[in-house]
């Protein structure tokens, strides 16, 4: 073999380099051929499995980076409204909730000269050109000095002091409305305390995050009875949704992984933060529940149902089964298209069915009957075709397509429970939507710094999300309930009660008396 260090001719060096490249290419090709031969000797199925797995992983990564976040597909039967030519442009959005004021613009004296006769322009009575402008006024913090005047009798037998405002913290400097605004910004607008602190400092208020936390903690004490009562309200329903996601407890030297458990009905959401995801944890909450639990295929729910002696029935979310095929449509386009073409019409039928929630008497019975008839006559036929198709498919063992088919057929009974009970929804999407707020908060806050912090987070996320589901202004509800609890410690007000009583008594402090009557006559929806 020639010593390369002894070669002085450049052309000869180039020749040897080309020979080495050819030799390297040859050895790489042989290594690949020997690897394939070795795989064939061990079993061709293993090599095929590895190739398929690599393709699936590449497809998942490509979808994660470049794919759409929505699972929506084009409707096979476009609505009639979509066939119409879309209107161009848009008009001004009505702003019914905004206050308004008039600003009059007049010409100055030196601008009122007539350009024709050099006379003076006179104002035309009632003639104006009007336009609207939406402006923003900066938030302003104010120090209010409360002076409580004292009174006495001439006999010096009695002295009385005028009552002051309700205080969230005895001797505290911050008002109840301040604490509520703080919490709305944190839980609804997802602004961490330190970010709010910097914003307030720019607006003139100097405050520490510890002082802000003290307001949170005190307000949570007032709202805790309502939080616990809302759990009773949800467990009084016949069908509830359950889901979970992770949360961080960031204590010094540790970032333990906690779990957010979420329970929902059509008009309520309830959260619990616990260090465990075990069936024992959720059993502590649902131990006395009797009815249907809509959930995913997490084994903890199966253990919960088995331990309930028939009191709890499971209905698995059909959207989870659909999602598995939707995510594989680039890897297995033909099989996934066939599956989605059978699943999507079932969802389209559900869109057309009336919801029984909020109805009473004959109207509710008619809605449930229509749901039963259409599901039994249309959805059941589509589900049967889907099962027949799935049983006829052949997929490589341990591939993602095999997992999707196994999930569908392995949970078929609980996935199709909605066909036999018109109260059961097709999916558990409402619970997944209810977790969005906490997921956004988790991204911004990174979690909680203490166990008490997890409890406070659960209380406020529960009440604020339930207010949104009920169509109630969370700020008005928190103000109303906190004032009621300050007057009468332990008072609990559900957002549903708040919405109902405000429809009867109107908004403002006058609704408090009406609430006192409703609180004594309230009964759960189911005995």
Protein backbone atom coordinates (compact mmCIF):
# COMPACT_ATOMS: atom_id res chain seq x y z
CA UNK A 1 0.00 0.00 0.00
CA UNK A 2 1.39 3.39 -1.01
CA UNK A 3 2.24 5.81 1.81
CA UNK A 4 0.20 8.93 1.08
CA UNK A 5 2.62 11.12 3.03
CA UNK A 6 5.38 10.29 0.48
CA UNK A 7 3.37 11.35 -2.58
CA UNK A 8 4.49 14.74 -3.87
CA UNK A 9 2.67 14.75 -7.24
CA UNK A 10 -0.73 16.45 -6.90
CA UNK A 11 -2.32 14.52 -9.78
CA UNK A 12 -1.22 11.21 -8.26
CA UNK A 13 -2.72 12.28 -4.93
CA UNK A 14 -6.03 13.04 -6.63
CA UNK A 15 -5.97 9.60 -8.26
CA UNK A 16 -5.50 7.86 -4.92
CA UNK A 17 -8.32 9.96 -3.36
CA UNK A 18 -10.71 8.87 -6.13
CA UNK A 19 -9.81 5.24 -5.56
CA UNK A 20 -10.49 5.60 -1.83
CA UNK A 21 -13.93 7.16 -2.50
CA UNK A 22 -14.85 4.27 -4.79
CA UNK A 23 -13.68 1.79 -2.18
CA UNK A 24 -15.72 3.53 0.54
CA UNK A 25 -18.87 3.47 -1.62
CA UNK A 26 -18.36 -0.24 -2.25
CA UNK A 27 -18.03 -1.06 1.45
CA UNK A 28 -21.11 1.01 2.38
CA UNK A 29 -23.14 -0.83 -0.24
CA UNK A 30 -21.93 -4.19 1.06
CA UNK A 31 -22.79 -3.28 4.65
CA UNK A 32 -26.32 -2.42 3.58
CA UNK A 33 -26.67 -5.67 1.61
CA UNK A 34 -25.36 -7.72 4.52
CA UNK A 35 -27.76 -5.98 6.92
CA UNK A 36 -30.68 -6.88 4.65
CA UNK A 37 -29.49 -10.47 4.36
CA UNK A 38 -29.16 -10.68 8.14
CA UNK A 39 -32.66 -9.28 8.60
CA UNK A 40 -34.05 -11.81 6.09
CA UNK A 41 -32.33 -14.63 7.96
CA UNK A 42 -33.91 -13.39 11.22
CA UNK A 43 -37.29 -12.94 9.59
CA UNK A 44 -38.57 -10.67 6.85
CA UNK A 45 -41.45 -9.48 8.96
CA UNK A 46 -39.07 -7.80 11.41
CA UNK A 47 -37.43 -5.77 8.63
CA UNK A 48 -40.82 -4.77 7.25
CA UNK A 49 -41.90 -3.75 10.73
CA UNK A 50 -38.82 -1.53 11.14
CA UNK A 51 -39.38 0.11 7.76
CA UNK A 52 -43.03 0.77 8.51
CA UNK A 53 -42.20 2.11 11.96
CA UNK A 54 -39.71 4.56 10.50
CA UNK A 55 -42.28 5.73 7.94
CA UNK A 56 -44.89 6.19 10.66
CA UNK A 57 -42.53 8.16 12.87
CA UNK A 58 -41.56 10.38 9.94
CA UNK A 59 -45.23 10.98 9.10
CA UNK A 60 -46.01 11.90 12.71
CA UNK A 61 -43.11 14.35 12.86
CA UNK A 62 -44.09 15.88 9.52
CA UNK A 63 -47.68 16.33 10.73
CA UNK A 64 -46.51 17.81 14.03
CA UNK A 65 -44.34 20.39 12.26
CA UNK A 66 -46.35 21.15 9.13
CA UNK A 67 -49.83 19.71 9.71
CA UNK A 68 -53.01 21.51 10.68
CA UNK A 69 -53.99 21.60 14.34
CA UNK A 70 -57.69 21.13 13.60
CA UNK A 71 -59.20 17.69 13.00
CA UNK A 72 -61.94 19.11 10.79
CA UNK A 73 -62.34 17.61 7.32
CA UNK A 74 -64.30 19.06 4.39
CA UNK A 75 -67.96 18.16 4.75
CA UNK A 76 -69.05 15.48 2.22
CA UNK A 77 -72.37 17.29 1.85
CA UNK A 78 -71.70 21.05 1.94
CA UNK A 79 -74.52 23.08 3.52
CA UNK A 80 -76.73 25.08 1.20
CA UNK A 81 -75.41 28.31 2.69
CA UNK A 82 -71.91 27.45 1.47
CA UNK A 83 -73.16 27.32 -2.13
CA UNK A 84 -74.13 30.99 -2.01
CA UNK A 85 -71.65 33.56 -3.17
CA UNK A 86 -69.89 34.99 -0.11
CA UNK A 87 -70.51 38.63 0.61
CA UNK A 88 -67.57 40.95 0.27
CA UNK A 89 -66.63 43.32 3.07
CA UNK A 90 -68.38 43.72 6.39
CA UNK A 91 -70.24 46.33 8.34
CA UNK A 92 -69.37 47.75 11.74
CA UNK A 93 -69.79 45.42 14.69
CA UNK A 94 -72.47 46.55 17.14
CA UNK A 95 -70.99 47.48 20.53
CA UNK A 96 -74.01 47.25 22.80
CA UNK A 97 -71.98 46.85 26.01
CA UNK A 98 -69.71 49.86 25.55
CA UNK A 99 -70.58 53.21 27.13
CA UNK A 100 -70.73 56.13 24.74
CA UNK A 101 -70.43 59.89 24.90
CA UNK A 102 -70.73 62.68 22.37
CA UNK A 103 -67.93 65.01 21.36
CA UNK A 104 -69.00 68.11 19.41
CA UNK A 105 -66.59 69.66 16.94
CA UNK A 106 -67.18 73.31 15.99
CA UNK A 107 -65.33 75.74 13.79
CA UNK A 108 -63.21 78.39 15.43
CA UNK A 109 -64.17 82.02 14.93
CA UNK A 110 -61.36 82.66 12.47
CA UNK A 111 -62.45 79.62 10.40
CA UNK A 112 -66.06 80.77 9.87
CA UNK A 113 -65.45 83.21 7.02
CA UNK A 114 -67.42 82.52 3.82
CA UNK A 115 -65.02 81.95 0.89
CA UNK A 116 -67.56 83.50 -1.53
CA UNK A 117 -68.98 86.68 0.04
CA UNK A 118 -66.55 86.98 2.94
CA UNK A 119 -69.51 86.87 5.36
CA UNK A 120 -69.75 84.82 8.55
CA UNK A 121 -70.83 81.16 8.50
CA UNK A 122 -73.69 80.43 10.92
CA UNK A 123 -74.28 77.08 12.56
CA UNK A 124 -77.10 75.01 11.02
CA UNK A 125 -79.36 73.92 13.87
CA UNK A 126 -79.51 70.12 14.21
CA UNK A 127 -77.30 69.48 11.16
CA UNK A 128 -74.21 67.34 11.84
CA UNK A 129 -72.12 64.71 10.17
CA UNK A 130 -71.82 61.78 12.58
CA UNK A 131 -69.29 58.97 12.86
CA UNK A 132 -68.24 56.52 15.56
CA UNK A 133 -64.77 56.01 16.94
CA UNK A 134 -63.80 53.35 19.47
CA UNK A 135 -61.18 54.65 21.88
CA UNK A 136 -59.43 53.23 24.94
CA UNK A 137 -59.15 54.87 28.33
CA UNK A 138 -56.22 53.79 30.52
CA UNK A 139 -56.91 51.85 33.71
CA UNK A 140 -56.32 53.93 36.82
CA UNK A 141 -55.61 52.81 40.38
CA UNK A 142 -56.91 55.09 43.11
CA UNK A 143 -56.25 55.37 46.83
CA UNK A 144 -59.64 55.84 48.49
CA UNK A 145 -59.53 57.26 52.02
CA UNK A 146 -62.50 55.95 54.01
CA UNK A 147 -63.42 58.23 56.91
CA UNK A 148 -65.93 56.53 59.21
CA UNK A 149 -67.64 59.24 61.19
CA UNK A 150 -68.43 58.68 64.87
CA UNK A 151 -71.66 59.57 66.65
CA UNK A 152 -72.51 59.89 70.33
CA UNK A 153 -75.45 60.75 72.52
CA UNK A 154 -75.46 63.84 74.72
CA UNK A 155 -75.73 61.55 77.68
CA UNK A 156 -72.42 59.96 76.67
CA UNK A 157 -74.09 56.56 77.06
CA UNK A 158 -73.44 55.35 73.50
CA UNK A 159 -70.95 55.89 70.67
CA UNK A 160 -71.58 54.54 67.19
CA UNK A 161 -69.31 54.52 64.13
CA UNK A 162 -70.63 54.52 60.56
CA UNK A 163 -69.99 51.18 58.82
CA UNK A 164 -67.24 51.04 56.21
CA UNK A 165 -66.91 48.94 53.05
CA UNK A 166 -66.67 45.16 53.11
CA UNK A 167 -63.03 44.13 53.53
CA UNK A 168 -61.56 41.02 51.95
CA UNK A 169 -58.74 41.02 54.55
CA UNK A 170 -59.35 42.68 57.89
CA UNK A 171 -57.12 45.75 58.00
CA UNK A 172 -56.04 45.18 54.39
CA UNK A 173 -55.42 47.97 51.91
CA UNK A 174 -56.77 46.32 48.76
CA UNK A 175 -60.44 46.24 47.85
CA UNK A 176 -62.54 43.23 46.95
CA UNK A 177 -62.82 44.44 43.35
CA UNK A 178 -59.02 44.65 43.16
CA UNK A 179 -58.67 40.99 44.15
CA UNK A 180 -61.36 39.93 41.66
CA UNK A 181 -59.73 41.86 38.80
CA UNK A 182 -56.42 40.27 39.75
CA UNK A 183 -57.90 36.78 39.58
CA UNK A 184 -59.76 37.37 36.32
CA UNK A 185 -56.53 38.50 34.69
CA UNK A 186 -54.69 35.44 35.99
CA UNK A 187 -57.24 32.69 35.29
CA UNK A 188 -59.17 34.07 32.33
CA UNK A 189 -56.49 36.16 30.60
CA UNK A 190 -53.67 33.82 31.72
CA UNK A 191 -51.41 36.60 33.06
CA UNK A 192 -48.97 35.43 35.77
CA UNK A 193 -48.75 37.55 38.91
CA UNK A 194 -45.31 38.92 38.10
CA UNK A 195 -46.44 40.02 34.68
CA UNK A 196 -49.41 41.79 36.27
CA UNK A 197 -47.08 43.35 38.83
CA UNK A 198 -44.92 44.88 36.11
CA UNK A 199 -47.99 46.14 34.28
CA UNK A 200 -49.37 47.73 37.46
CA UNK A 201 -46.02 49.36 38.17
CA UNK A 202 -46.12 51.02 34.76
CA UNK A 203 -49.58 52.32 35.69
CA UNK A 204 -48.35 53.78 38.99
CA UNK A 205 -49.13 51.04 41.52
CA UNK A 206 -46.19 49.50 43.40
CA UNK A 207 -47.09 46.05 44.77
CA UNK A 208 -45.31 42.77 45.47
CA UNK A 209 -46.38 39.37 44.16
CA UNK A 210 -46.67 38.20 47.79
CA UNK A 211 -49.33 40.86 48.44
CA UNK A 212 -51.11 39.78 45.26
CA UNK A 213 -51.04 36.15 46.39
CA UNK A 214 -52.52 37.15 49.75
CA UNK A 215 -55.53 38.60 47.91
CA UNK A 216 -55.90 35.40 45.89
CA UNK A 217 -55.75 33.22 48.98
CA UNK A 218 -58.30 35.26 50.91
CA UNK A 219 -60.72 35.37 47.97
CA UNK A 220 -60.39 31.60 47.50
CA UNK A 221 -61.47 31.05 51.13
CA UNK A 222 -64.71 32.88 50.37
CA UNK A 223 -65.34 30.92 47.15
CA UNK A 224 -64.51 27.45 48.48
CA UNK A 225 -68.08 26.63 49.66
CA UNK A 226 -69.38 27.39 46.15
CA UNK A 227 -66.63 25.20 44.68
CA UNK A 228 -67.64 22.23 46.87
CA UNK A 229 -71.33 22.74 46.21
CA UNK A 230 -70.66 22.71 42.47
CA UNK A 231 -69.21 19.20 42.79
CA UNK A 232 -72.51 18.03 44.31
CA UNK A 233 -74.34 19.70 41.43
CA UNK A 234 -72.27 17.82 38.83
CA UNK A 235 -72.54 14.45 40.60
CA UNK A 236 -76.32 14.94 40.59
CA UNK A 237 -76.39 14.57 36.80
CA UNK A 238 -76.93 11.29 34.96
CA UNK A 239 -74.06 11.69 32.47
CA UNK A 240 -70.75 13.41 33.22
CA UNK A 241 -67.49 13.80 31.31
CA UNK A 242 -64.10 13.08 32.90
CA UNK A 243 -60.60 13.81 31.61
CA UNK A 244 -57.17 14.64 33.00
CA UNK A 245 -53.96 16.44 32.08
CA UNK A 246 -50.67 17.12 33.82
CA UNK A 247 -49.69 20.09 36.03
CA UNK A 248 -46.46 21.12 37.76
CA UNK A 249 -45.95 21.69 41.46
CA UNK A 250 -42.78 23.78 41.57
CA UNK A 251 -41.44 23.58 45.09
CA UNK A 252 -37.79 24.32 45.97
CA UNK A 253 -35.62 21.56 44.55
CA UNK A 254 -38.51 19.73 42.91
CA UNK A 255 -40.89 20.04 39.98
CA UNK A 256 -43.26 17.19 40.76
CA UNK A 257 -45.75 16.15 38.08
CA UNK A 258 -49.30 16.55 39.36
CA UNK A 259 -52.56 15.89 37.56
CA UNK A 260 -55.62 18.01 36.81
CA UNK A 261 -58.84 15.99 36.95
CA UNK A 262 -61.80 17.59 35.18
CA UNK A 263 -65.49 16.72 35.59
CA UNK A 264 -68.09 18.33 33.32
CA UNK A 265 -71.76 18.54 32.52
CA UNK A 266 -73.32 20.69 29.81
CA UNK A 267 -73.30 23.77 32.08
CA UNK A 268 -70.54 23.12 34.64
CA UNK A 269 -66.87 22.21 34.91
CA UNK A 270 -65.09 21.15 38.10
CA UNK A 271 -61.33 20.70 38.57
CA UNK A 272 -59.21 18.90 41.13
CA UNK A 273 -55.40 18.88 41.30
CA UNK A 274 -53.82 15.77 42.78
CA UNK A 275 -50.32 14.22 42.81
CA UNK A 276 -51.63 10.91 41.45
CA UNK A 277 -53.35 9.68 38.30
CA UNK A 278 -54.45 6.42 39.88
CA UNK A 279 -57.97 5.04 39.90
CA UNK A 280 -57.99 5.45 43.67
CA UNK A 281 -57.74 9.23 43.27
CA UNK A 282 -60.75 9.60 40.99
CA UNK A 283 -62.66 6.99 43.01
CA UNK A 284 -62.42 9.31 46.00
CA UNK A 285 -64.48 11.85 44.05
CA UNK A 286 -66.80 9.57 42.05
CA UNK A 287 -67.24 6.90 44.70
CA UNK A 288 -70.90 7.75 45.26
CA UNK A 289 -71.76 8.62 41.66
CA UNK A 290 -74.41 6.61 39.83
CA UNK A 291 -74.61 7.08 36.09
CA UNK A 292 -72.54 7.25 32.92
CA UNK A 293 -68.95 8.50 32.74
CA UNK A 294 -67.77 9.71 29.32
CA UNK A 295 -64.00 9.32 29.11
CA UNK A 296 -61.06 8.02 27.11
CA UNK A 297 -59.55 4.52 27.35
CA UNK A 298 -57.27 5.22 30.32
CA UNK A 299 -57.28 1.95 32.37
CA UNK A 300 -57.99 3.83 35.58
CA UNK A 301 -61.57 4.40 34.44
CA UNK A 302 -62.04 0.70 33.76
CA UNK A 303 -60.86 -0.05 37.30
CA UNK A 304 -63.27 2.60 38.61
CA UNK A 305 -66.22 1.02 36.78
CA UNK A 306 -65.34 -2.48 37.98
CA UNK A 307 -65.09 -1.34 41.60
CA UNK A 308 -68.47 0.43 41.46
CA UNK A 309 -70.52 -2.81 41.27
CA UNK A 310 -72.47 -1.56 38.27
CA UNK A 311 -73.22 1.93 39.59
CA UNK A 312 -70.87 3.52 37.03
CA UNK A 313 -71.07 2.75 33.31
CA UNK A 314 -68.42 3.88 30.85
CA UNK A 315 -69.00 5.53 27.48
CA UNK A 316 -65.77 5.99 25.58
CA UNK A 317 -65.23 9.04 23.41
CA UNK A 318 -65.72 8.33 19.70
CA UNK A 319 -63.58 11.35 18.80
CA UNK A 320 -60.56 9.51 20.24
CA UNK A 321 -61.20 6.55 17.92
CA UNK A 322 -61.60 8.90 14.95
CA UNK A 323 -58.46 10.84 15.86
CA UNK A 324 -56.28 7.75 15.56
CA UNK A 325 -57.27 7.30 11.91
CA UNK A 326 -57.10 11.02 11.21
CA UNK A 327 -53.49 11.24 12.38
CA UNK A 328 -52.46 8.28 10.14
CA UNK A 329 -54.08 9.46 6.92
CA UNK A 330 -50.72 10.40 5.35
CA UNK A 331 -49.16 7.00 6.20
CA UNK A 332 -52.19 4.82 5.35
CA UNK A 333 -54.25 7.06 3.06
CA UNK A 334 -56.63 4.43 1.66
CA UNK A 335 -57.47 2.69 4.93
CA UNK A 336 -57.85 5.94 6.88
CA UNK A 337 -60.01 7.54 4.19
CA UNK A 338 -62.32 4.53 4.29
CA UNK A 339 -62.54 4.74 8.09
CA UNK A 340 -63.16 8.50 8.17
CA UNK A 341 -65.77 8.25 5.41
CA UNK A 342 -67.72 5.89 7.67
CA UNK A 343 -67.15 7.81 10.92
CA UNK A 344 -67.76 11.38 9.78
CA UNK A 345 -71.43 10.86 8.78
CA UNK A 346 -72.12 9.73 12.34
CA UNK A 347 -70.78 13.06 13.62
CA UNK A 348 -72.81 14.95 11.01
CA UNK A 349 -75.98 13.25 12.25
CA UNK A 350 -75.14 14.30 15.82
CA UNK A 351 -74.87 17.95 14.73
CA UNK A 352 -78.48 17.84 13.55
CA UNK A 353 -79.88 16.29 16.73
CA UNK A 354 -81.45 18.58 19.35
CA UNK A 355 -79.85 18.83 22.77
CA UNK A 356 -82.10 17.80 25.68
CA UNK A 357 -80.27 20.10 28.08
CA UNK A 358 -82.28 23.08 29.26
CA UNK A 359 -85.58 21.49 28.19
CA UNK A 360 -88.34 20.30 30.47
CA UNK A 361 -91.44 18.10 30.22
CA UNK A 362 -92.77 17.26 26.77
CA UNK A 363 -90.08 19.27 24.95
CA UNK A 364 -87.31 17.24 26.58
CA UNK A 365 -89.12 13.96 25.95
CA UNK A 366 -89.56 14.86 22.26
CA UNK A 367 -85.87 15.76 21.90
CA UNK A 368 -84.78 12.49 23.50
CA UNK A 369 -87.16 10.49 21.30
CA UNK A 370 -85.82 12.14 18.15
CA UNK A 371 -82.23 11.38 19.24
CA UNK A 372 -83.18 7.75 19.89
CA UNK A 373 -84.97 7.29 16.56
CA UNK A 374 -82.27 8.81 14.36
CA UNK A 375 -79.45 7.06 16.18
CA UNK A 376 -81.22 3.72 15.97
CA UNK A 377 -82.23 4.15 12.34
CA UNK A 378 -79.16 5.89 10.86
CA UNK A 379 -76.17 5.92 13.20
CA UNK A 380 -76.47 2.24 14.11
CA UNK A 381 -76.31 1.22 10.42
CA UNK A 382 -73.18 3.32 9.88
CA UNK A 383 -71.59 1.87 13.02
CA UNK A 384 -72.31 -1.67 11.82
CA UNK A 385 -70.64 -0.94 8.48
CA UNK A 386 -67.65 0.54 10.30
CA UNK A 387 -67.24 -2.55 12.48
CA UNK A 388 -67.54 -4.88 9.49
CA UNK A 389 -64.90 -2.89 7.62
CA UNK A 390 -62.54 -2.84 10.63
CA UNK A 391 -62.80 -6.60 11.17
CA UNK A 392 -61.89 -7.22 7.52
CA UNK A 393 -58.68 -5.14 7.68
CA UNK A 394 -55.25 -6.71 7.90
CA UNK A 395 -52.42 -4.63 9.35
CA UNK A 396 -48.85 -5.35 10.35
CA UNK A 397 -48.74 -6.31 14.04
CA UNK A 398 -47.67 -3.50 16.38
CA UNK A 399 -48.09 -0.88 13.62
CA UNK A 400 -50.03 2.28 14.30
CA UNK A 401 -52.80 1.16 11.96
CA UNK A 402 -53.12 -2.08 13.95
CA UNK A 403 -53.29 0.01 17.14
CA UNK A 404 -56.07 2.19 15.67
CA UNK A 405 -58.08 -0.85 14.60
CA UNK A 406 -57.46 -2.54 17.95
CA UNK A 407 -58.65 0.55 19.83
CA UNK A 408 -61.82 0.70 17.75
CA UNK A 409 -62.73 -2.98 18.04
CA UNK A 410 -61.41 -3.47 21.56
CA UNK A 411 -63.65 -0.73 22.98
CA UNK A 412 -66.56 -1.19 20.60
CA UNK A 413 -69.19 -1.76 23.28
CA UNK A 414 -68.36 1.42 25.20
CA UNK A 415 -67.70 3.46 22.05
CA UNK A 416 -71.24 2.69 20.81
CA UNK A 417 -72.99 3.12 24.16
CA UNK A 418 -74.58 6.30 22.77
CA UNK A 419 -76.69 4.15 20.41
CA UNK A 420 -78.63 2.69 23.34
CA UNK A 421 -79.02 5.82 25.49
CA UNK A 422 -80.07 9.18 23.97
CA UNK A 423 -78.59 11.06 26.94
CA UNK A 424 -75.03 9.87 26.19
CA UNK A 425 -73.06 12.18 23.87
CA UNK A 426 -71.08 10.82 20.95
CA UNK A 427 -67.81 12.27 22.23
CA UNK A 428 -66.22 13.85 25.27
CA UNK A 429 -65.05 16.99 23.48
CA UNK A 430 -66.76 19.31 25.95
CA UNK A 431 -64.41 18.07 28.69
CA UNK A 432 -61.36 18.48 26.47
CA UNK A 433 -62.50 22.03 25.67
CA UNK A 434 -62.93 22.72 29.37
CA UNK A 435 -59.26 21.86 29.93
CA UNK A 436 -57.99 24.44 27.43
CA UNK A 437 -57.98 27.26 29.96
CA UNK A 438 -55.84 25.29 32.41
CA UNK A 439 -53.46 24.22 29.65
CA UNK A 440 -52.98 27.85 28.59
CA UNK A 441 -52.48 28.84 32.22
CA UNK A 442 -49.99 26.01 32.65
CA UNK A 443 -47.95 27.29 29.71
CA UNK A 444 -47.85 30.82 31.14
CA UNK A 445 -47.61 30.09 34.88
CA UNK A 446 -45.62 26.83 34.54
CA UNK A 447 -47.73 25.40 37.37
CA UNK A 448 -48.12 26.16 41.09
CA UNK A 449 -45.55 26.88 43.80
CA UNK A 450 -47.35 25.25 46.73
CA UNK A 451 -50.05 22.73 47.50
CA UNK A 452 -52.30 25.61 48.54
CA UNK A 453 -51.60 27.13 45.13
CA UNK A 454 -53.02 24.04 43.42
CA UNK A 455 -56.17 24.30 45.55
CA UNK A 456 -56.62 27.98 44.73
CA UNK A 457 -56.11 27.26 41.03
CA UNK A 458 -58.74 24.51 41.09
CA UNK A 459 -61.29 26.77 42.83
CA UNK A 460 -61.00 29.69 40.44
CA UNK A 461 -60.66 27.71 37.23
CA UNK A 462 -63.79 25.78 38.27
CA UNK A 463 -65.96 28.81 38.98
CA UNK A 464 -64.74 30.91 36.04
CA UNK A 465 -65.12 28.12 33.47
CA UNK A 466 -68.59 27.29 34.80
CA UNK A 467 -69.59 30.95 34.51
CA UNK A 468 -68.54 30.87 30.85
CA UNK A 469 -70.60 27.73 30.24
CA UNK A 470 -73.62 29.36 31.91
CA UNK A 471 -73.27 32.64 30.01
CA UNK A 472 -72.51 34.54 33.23
CA UNK A 473 -69.97 37.35 33.58
CA UNK A 474 -67.30 35.78 35.87
CA UNK A 475 -66.39 39.16 37.38
CA UNK A 476 -69.99 39.94 38.35
CA UNK A 477 -70.46 36.44 39.76
CA UNK A 478 -67.29 36.57 41.89
CA UNK A 479 -68.25 40.02 43.22
CA UNK A 480 -71.78 38.90 44.08
CA UNK A 481 -70.70 35.64 45.75
CA UNK A 482 -67.78 37.16 47.66
CA UNK A 483 -69.98 39.93 49.07
CA UNK A 484 -72.58 37.37 50.11
CA UNK A 485 -69.88 35.25 51.81
CA UNK A 486 -68.45 38.27 53.63
CA UNK A 487 -71.89 39.09 55.00
CA UNK A 488 -72.67 35.48 55.87
CA UNK A 489 -69.57 33.24 56.10
CA UNK A 490 -70.01 29.86 54.43
CA UNK A 491 -72.50 31.08 51.84
CA UNK A 492 -72.35 29.12 48.58
CA UNK A 493 -73.74 30.41 45.29
CA UNK A 494 -73.69 28.37 42.10
CA UNK A 495 -73.23 30.22 38.80
CA UNK A 496 -76.43 28.51 37.65
CA UNK A 497 -78.32 30.03 40.61
CA UNK A 498 -76.73 33.40 39.98
CA UNK A 499 -77.85 33.36 36.35
CA UNK A 500 -81.38 32.27 37.25
CA UNK A 501 -81.88 34.79 40.04
CA UNK A 502 -80.47 37.68 38.02
CA UNK A 503 -83.01 36.96 35.34
CA UNK A 504 -85.70 37.37 37.98
CA UNK A 505 -84.33 40.16 40.15
CA UNK A 506 -81.98 42.01 37.79
CA UNK A 507 -78.34 42.80 38.41
CA UNK A 508 -76.86 44.58 41.39
CA UNK A 509 -77.09 44.22 45.13
CA UNK A 510 -80.89 43.83 44.98
CA UNK A 511 -80.40 40.27 43.73
CA UNK A 512 -78.91 39.28 47.09
CA UNK A 513 -82.32 39.15 48.78
CA UNK A 514 -83.73 37.06 45.95
CA UNK A 515 -80.80 34.71 46.25
CA UNK A 516 -81.47 34.17 49.96
CA UNK A 517 -84.90 32.79 49.04
CA UNK A 518 -83.53 30.57 46.26
CA UNK A 519 -80.75 29.21 48.47
CA UNK A 520 -83.25 27.76 50.93
CA UNK A 521 -85.40 26.18 48.22
CA UNK A 522 -82.63 24.80 45.94
CA UNK A 523 -82.68 21.04 45.38
CA UNK A 524 -80.33 18.89 43.24
CA UNK A 525 -81.50 17.95 39.78
CA UNK A 526 -81.71 14.28 40.71
CA UNK A 527 -82.63 12.74 44.03
